[in-house]
Amino acid sequence: RSYFNTVVNKATNACHLLRIHNVTYQMRLMSRIRQAIIGERFFLIW
């Protein structure tokens, strides 16, 4: 049981960290897109 709990906890932590990474990436990407649209350089960058 101890090994199982360790594996499950590591997998849970990994999923949580991956979710945080993905949300942070999406927020930064949308911020860059928003700033490009405001600065009228969206089509130059993307």
Protein backbone atom coordinates (compact mmCIF):
# COMPACT_ATOMS: atom_id res chain seq x y z
CA ARG A 1 0.00 0.00 0.00
CA SER A 2 2.82 2.38 0.75
CA TYR A 3 4.28 2.06 -2.75
CA PHE A 4 0.84 2.52 -4.30
CA ASN A 5 0.23 5.68 -2.28
CA THR A 6 3.63 7.05 -3.30
CA VAL A 7 2.96 6.41 -7.00
CA VAL A 8 -0.53 7.90 -6.83
CA ASN A 9 0.69 10.99 -4.97
CA LYS A 10 3.51 11.57 -7.46
CA ALA A 11 1.13 11.19 -10.39
CA THR A 12 -1.35 13.56 -8.75
CA ASN A 13 1.38 16.13 -8.11
CA ALA A 14 2.66 15.79 -11.67
CA CYS A 15 -0.84 16.34 -13.08
CA HIS A 16 -1.34 19.37 -10.87
CA LEU A 17 1.98 20.92 -11.91
CA LEU A 18 1.28 20.21 -15.58
CA ARG A 19 -2.14 21.86 -15.27
CA ILE A 20 -0.57 24.95 -13.67
CA HIS A 21 2.04 25.08 -16.44
CA ASN A 22 -0.60 24.82 -19.18
CA VAL A 23 -2.85 27.49 -17.67
CA THR A 24 0.12 29.83 -17.21
CA TYR A 25 1.20 29.28 -20.82
CA GLN A 26 -2.30 30.01 -22.12
CA MET A 27 -2.57 33.16 -20.01
CA ARG A 28 0.78 34.46 -21.28
CA LEU A 29 -0.11 33.60 -24.87
CA MET A 30 -3.46 35.40 -24.66
CA SER A 31 -1.78 38.41 -23.05
CA ARG A 32 0.70 38.61 -25.92
CA ILE A 33 -2.09 38.28 -28.48
CA ARG A 34 -4.16 40.95 -26.70
CA GLN A 35 -1.22 43.36 -26.62
CA ALA A 36 -0.51 42.71 -30.30
CA ILE A 37 -4.12 43.47 -31.20
CA ILE A 38 -4.10 46.67 -29.14
CA GLY A 39 -0.79 47.74 -30.70
CA GLU A 40 -2.10 46.94 -34.19
CA ARG A 41 0.76 44.53 -34.86
CA PHE A 42 -1.17 41.30 -34.54
CA PHE A 43 -0.76 40.33 -38.19
CA LEU A 44 2.93 41.24 -38.15
CA ILE A 45 3.62 38.81 -35.31
CA TRP A 46 1.09 36.07 -35.97
